[in-house]
Amino acid sequence: MAVAVQDKLKMPGSPQAYANVIRTLPVAPISIFLDFYLHDIKPPKGFENPEHERIERGEVKDYLERCRHYGIVPFSDVQFRYSKKQQLIFPQYPHNSDSGFAPDPYANVIEVLTPPEISGLRDALLAPGRVNQLYLHCSLPDKSQKHPECKKMFAAARDFTEDMLSRKYSIGSGSFDFSFFSHGGDMSGLRLGPDIYGRTPKPIIELSPEHIFDHTSCETLLEWFEQLRKHA
C-alpha cells in the first residue's frame, strides 16, 4: 500500500469506534493516554482550559442537570496508572499541593496489596457509579513496542477499558505512542479525539506514520487502519 510517510490518515471517530481501536490495535504501544466519561457526559468547554475557552452558562446548567439525573458528582475525576511491578492498573491520588504534586498515598497502598485487593480498591472507587471522568496513563518509555512488557501493559489497558465500558463509561479521547521520541499530543502515532485542525472539532481517529519509526510496525498499522476504515 503506497502511503506517503508524511501523510496523516484520518477517519471519523465516535465512542464506539474508539472502543474498537483498543480491541483491534495490532501493535502494542509504549504509552497510552485515555479519557473516559460516565454516560458520555463531559464537563462544559472551558472547565479544563479556562485561559483559552469561555464557559457558557447554558452549558454549565445542562451539564449539572445531566449529572443530577444520573447521580454523578459534577467535575469529579480519578486518575489511573500502570504498575510495571504488579502488571496492572491502579488508582493515583489526584491531590496537588501548593509546591507541586503532593506525594501519592496510593503508591504505598499498592505495595502492600495483592492484585485481587487492588481490583477491590477500583471497585470501591467506581462501583457507586458517581465519578464523572477517568484518566488512564500507561507508559514504558524505556522500552520498544516489541518488548514483552509493552504487550503486558497493553493487555492490562485493554482489560481496564472493557471494565470501564461495562460500567457505562465511554472513551472521549486518547493517544498512543509507538516510538520513544514521540510524547503524546500532536506527536502521537495514533490519536483519538476532536479534529484540532478542522473547522469544527468533529471526533476523529488519526494515524501519523511519520511518528512511527519501526518500519514493520508502521506497515502493520497502515494495513490495520485501512481495514478499520473499510469496516467503519
Protein backbone atom coordinates (compact mmCIF):
# COMPACT_ATOMS: atom_id res chain seq x y z
CA MET A 1 0.00 0.00 0.00
CA ALA A 2 1.51 3.28 -1.12
CA VAL A 3 1.05 5.85 1.62
CA ALA A 4 3.44 8.79 1.85
CA VAL A 5 5.23 8.81 5.19
CA GLN A 6 4.35 12.46 5.77
CA ASP A 7 0.60 11.91 5.32
CA LYS A 8 -1.75 11.85 8.29
CA LEU A 9 -4.60 9.38 7.86
CA LYS A 10 -7.98 10.31 9.29
CA MET A 11 -11.38 8.71 9.68
CA PRO A 12 -14.50 9.68 11.63
CA GLY A 13 -14.45 8.80 15.32
CA SER A 14 -17.03 8.02 17.99
CA PRO A 15 -17.02 6.36 21.42
CA GLN A 16 -17.88 3.06 19.73
CA ALA A 17 -15.11 3.48 17.15
CA TYR A 18 -12.61 4.35 19.89
CA ALA A 19 -13.51 1.17 21.78
CA ASN A 20 -12.95 -0.81 18.58
CA VAL A 21 -9.49 0.74 18.24
CA ILE A 22 -8.49 -0.61 21.66
CA ARG A 23 -9.89 -4.04 20.84
CA THR A 24 -8.21 -4.43 17.44
CA LEU A 25 -4.97 -2.41 17.59
CA PRO A 26 -2.30 -4.88 16.34
CA VAL A 27 0.84 -3.20 17.78
CA ALA A 28 1.48 -2.71 21.49
CA PRO A 29 2.21 0.98 22.26
CA ILE A 30 4.92 2.19 24.62
CA SER A 31 2.50 4.73 26.11
CA ILE A 32 -1.28 5.10 26.29
CA PHE A 33 -3.41 8.06 27.34
CA LEU A 34 -7.20 7.66 27.56
CA ASP A 35 -10.04 9.78 28.95
CA PHE A 36 -13.32 8.15 29.97
CA TYR A 37 -16.66 9.85 30.73
CA LEU A 38 -19.53 8.26 32.63
CA HIS A 39 -22.62 8.10 30.37
CA ASP A 40 -20.55 10.14 27.88
CA ILE A 41 -21.20 13.29 29.97
CA LYS A 42 -18.35 15.76 29.53
CA PRO A 43 -17.70 18.88 31.63
CA PRO A 44 -18.55 22.13 29.82
CA LYS A 45 -15.99 23.63 27.46
CA GLY A 46 -13.61 25.91 29.28
CA PHE A 47 -13.63 24.00 32.57
CA GLU A 48 -10.21 22.43 31.99
CA ASN A 49 -8.78 25.29 29.92
CA PRO A 50 -10.25 28.50 31.39
CA GLU A 51 -7.49 30.72 30.00
CA HIS A 52 -8.40 29.92 26.41
CA GLU A 53 -12.07 28.94 26.46
CA ARG A 54 -15.09 30.68 27.89
CA ILE A 55 -17.61 28.76 29.98
CA GLU A 56 -21.20 29.30 28.83
CA ARG A 57 -23.90 29.47 31.50
CA GLY A 58 -26.27 27.33 29.45
CA GLU A 59 -23.70 24.56 29.05
CA VAL A 60 -22.97 24.54 32.78
CA LYS A 61 -26.68 24.32 33.65
CA ASP A 62 -27.19 21.47 31.17
CA TYR A 63 -24.13 19.62 32.49
CA LEU A 64 -25.24 19.91 36.11
CA GLU A 65 -28.75 18.73 35.22
CA ARG A 66 -27.41 15.66 33.42
CA CYS A 67 -25.13 14.87 36.37
CA ARG A 68 -28.09 15.20 38.74
CA HIS A 69 -30.18 12.88 36.57
CA TYR A 70 -27.54 10.11 36.66
CA GLY A 71 -26.33 10.73 40.22
CA ILE A 72 -22.85 11.80 39.08
CA VAL A 73 -20.64 14.04 41.20
CA PRO A 74 -20.02 17.08 38.92
CA PHE A 75 -16.41 17.71 37.87
CA SER A 76 -15.17 14.61 39.73
CA ASP A 77 -12.30 12.54 38.37
CA VAL A 78 -9.96 9.66 39.24
CA GLN A 79 -6.59 9.04 37.64
CA PHE A 80 -5.19 5.57 36.92
CA ARG A 81 -1.69 4.41 36.04
CA TYR A 82 0.04 1.18 35.12
CA SER A 83 2.24 -0.58 37.67
CA LYS A 84 5.09 -2.40 35.95
CA LYS A 85 5.79 -4.29 39.17
CA GLN A 86 2.22 -5.51 39.67
CA GLN A 87 1.40 -5.57 35.92
CA LEU A 88 -1.99 -3.97 36.47
CA ILE A 89 -3.81 -0.64 36.55
CA PHE A 90 -4.06 1.18 39.88
CA PRO A 91 -5.62 4.49 41.01
CA GLN A 92 -3.44 7.53 41.52
CA TYR A 93 -4.28 10.14 44.13
CA PRO A 94 -5.09 13.42 42.30
CA HIS A 95 -4.35 15.94 45.07
CA ASN A 96 -2.00 18.82 44.25
CA SER A 97 -0.06 20.72 46.86
CA ASP A 98 0.98 24.39 46.66
CA SER A 99 4.54 23.31 45.96
CA GLY A 100 3.61 20.96 43.11
CA PHE A 101 2.33 17.40 43.08
CA ALA A 102 1.92 16.01 46.57
CA PRO A 103 3.23 12.50 47.38
CA ASP A 104 0.82 9.84 46.15
CA PRO A 105 -0.64 7.97 49.16
CA TYR A 106 -1.94 5.21 46.88
CA ALA A 107 1.65 4.32 45.94
CA ASN A 108 2.30 2.92 49.41
CA VAL A 109 -1.09 1.22 49.48
CA ILE A 110 -0.39 -0.61 46.23
CA GLU A 111 2.86 -2.01 47.63
CA VAL A 112 1.05 -3.98 50.35
CA LEU A 113 -1.98 -5.20 48.36
CA THR A 114 -2.40 -8.27 46.17
CA PRO A 115 -3.81 -7.89 42.61
CA PRO A 116 -7.32 -9.00 43.69
CA GLU A 117 -7.23 -6.46 46.52
CA ILE A 118 -6.18 -3.71 44.11
CA SER A 119 -9.15 -4.66 41.91
CA GLY A 120 -11.29 -4.32 45.04
CA LEU A 121 -9.93 -0.81 45.53
CA ARG A 122 -11.01 0.05 41.99
CA ASP A 123 -14.47 -1.33 42.72
CA ALA A 124 -14.71 0.74 45.90
CA LEU A 125 -13.89 3.89 43.94
CA LEU A 126 -16.12 3.26 40.93
CA ALA A 127 -18.91 0.86 41.93
CA PRO A 128 -21.24 3.65 43.14
CA GLY A 129 -21.17 5.00 39.56
CA ARG A 130 -20.67 8.61 40.61
CA VAL A 131 -17.22 9.61 39.26
CA ASN A 132 -17.60 11.69 36.10
CA GLN A 133 -14.19 11.43 34.42
CA LEU A 134 -11.35 8.89 34.46
CA TYR A 135 -7.81 9.38 33.18
CA LEU A 136 -5.66 6.41 32.21
CA HIS A 137 -1.91 6.81 31.68
CA CYS A 138 0.27 3.80 30.88
CA SER A 139 3.88 4.31 29.89
CA LEU A 140 7.09 2.33 29.37
CA PRO A 141 9.27 4.97 27.63
CA ASP A 142 12.46 2.96 28.04
CA LYS A 143 11.10 0.02 26.02
CA SER A 144 10.35 -0.66 22.35
CA GLN A 145 6.83 -1.66 21.36
CA LYS A 146 8.15 -5.18 20.66
CA HIS A 147 9.22 -5.67 24.28
CA PRO A 148 7.11 -8.25 26.21
CA GLU A 149 6.41 -5.71 28.98
CA CYS A 150 4.67 -3.43 26.45
CA LYS A 151 2.38 -6.29 25.48
CA LYS A 152 1.57 -6.91 29.15
CA MET A 153 0.86 -3.20 29.69
CA PHE A 154 -1.40 -3.07 26.64
CA ALA A 155 -3.26 -6.18 27.81
CA ALA A 156 -3.85 -4.51 31.19
CA ALA A 157 -5.09 -1.35 29.45
CA ARG A 158 -7.47 -3.41 27.31
CA ASP A 159 -8.86 -5.20 30.37
CA PHE A 160 -9.28 -1.86 32.15
CA THR A 161 -11.07 -0.39 29.13
CA GLU A 162 -13.51 -3.30 28.90
CA ASP A 163 -14.19 -2.96 32.62
CA MET A 164 -14.90 0.76 32.25
CA LEU A 165 -17.15 0.20 29.23
CA SER A 166 -19.16 -2.30 31.26
CA ARG A 167 -19.57 0.41 33.93
CA LYS A 168 -21.17 2.79 31.36
CA TYR A 169 -18.03 4.85 30.71
CA SER A 170 -17.16 5.85 27.15
CA ILE A 171 -13.82 6.87 25.65
CA GLY A 172 -13.70 10.60 24.95
CA SER A 173 -10.13 10.97 23.67
CA GLY A 174 -6.76 9.29 23.72
CA SER A 175 -3.33 8.85 22.20
CA PHE A 176 -0.89 6.00 21.57
CA ASP A 177 2.87 6.37 21.13
CA PHE A 178 4.86 3.67 19.35
CA SER A 179 8.27 5.33 19.31
CA PHE A 180 10.50 6.65 22.06
CA PHE A 181 10.75 10.14 20.58
CA SER A 182 7.00 10.81 20.45
CA HIS A 183 5.47 12.22 23.62
CA GLY A 184 1.69 12.44 23.24
CA GLY A 185 -0.49 15.16 21.76
CA ASP A 186 0.29 16.01 18.14
CA MET A 187 3.38 13.78 18.23
CA SER A 188 1.40 10.59 18.81
CA GLY A 189 1.41 7.80 16.29
CA LEU A 190 -2.33 7.34 16.83
CA ARG A 191 -4.74 9.89 18.25
CA LEU A 192 -8.43 9.75 19.20
CA GLY A 193 -10.43 12.92 19.78
CA PRO A 194 -11.54 16.17 18.15
CA ASP A 195 -10.00 17.23 14.85
CA ILE A 196 -7.91 20.12 16.16
CA TYR A 197 -7.06 21.26 12.62
CA GLY A 198 -10.57 21.11 11.22
CA ARG A 199 -13.07 23.94 11.02
CA THR A 200 -15.27 22.11 13.52
CA PRO A 201 -13.86 19.81 16.23
CA LYS A 202 -15.52 16.62 15.00
CA PRO A 203 -14.27 13.37 16.59
CA ILE A 204 -11.70 11.55 14.50
CA ILE A 205 -9.18 8.71 14.54
CA GLU A 206 -5.82 9.93 13.21
CA LEU A 207 -2.77 7.84 12.34
CA SER A 208 0.56 9.67 11.84
CA PRO A 209 3.05 7.30 10.14
CA GLU A 210 5.88 9.84 10.43
CA HIS A 211 5.84 9.33 14.20
CA ILE A 212 6.19 5.52 13.98
CA PHE A 213 9.88 4.81 13.41
CA ASP A 214 9.82 1.00 13.23
CA HIS A 215 9.11 0.09 9.59
CA THR A 216 7.37 -3.22 10.30
CA SER A 217 5.12 -1.70 12.96
CA CYS A 218 4.29 1.20 10.65
CA GLU A 219 3.27 -1.12 7.80
CA THR A 220 1.18 -3.23 10.17
CA LEU A 221 -0.61 -0.15 11.49
CA LEU A 222 -1.22 1.22 7.98
CA GLU A 223 -2.85 -2.04 6.90
CA TRP A 224 -4.90 -2.17 10.10
CA PHE A 225 -6.06 1.43 9.65
CA GLU A 226 -7.26 0.75 6.10
CA GLN A 227 -9.26 -2.25 7.31
CA LEU A 228 -10.66 -0.16 10.16
CA ARG A 229 -11.74 2.49 7.68
CA LYS A 230 -13.35 -0.06 5.32
CA HIS A 231 -15.50 -1.53 8.10
CA ALA A 232 -16.42 1.76 9.76
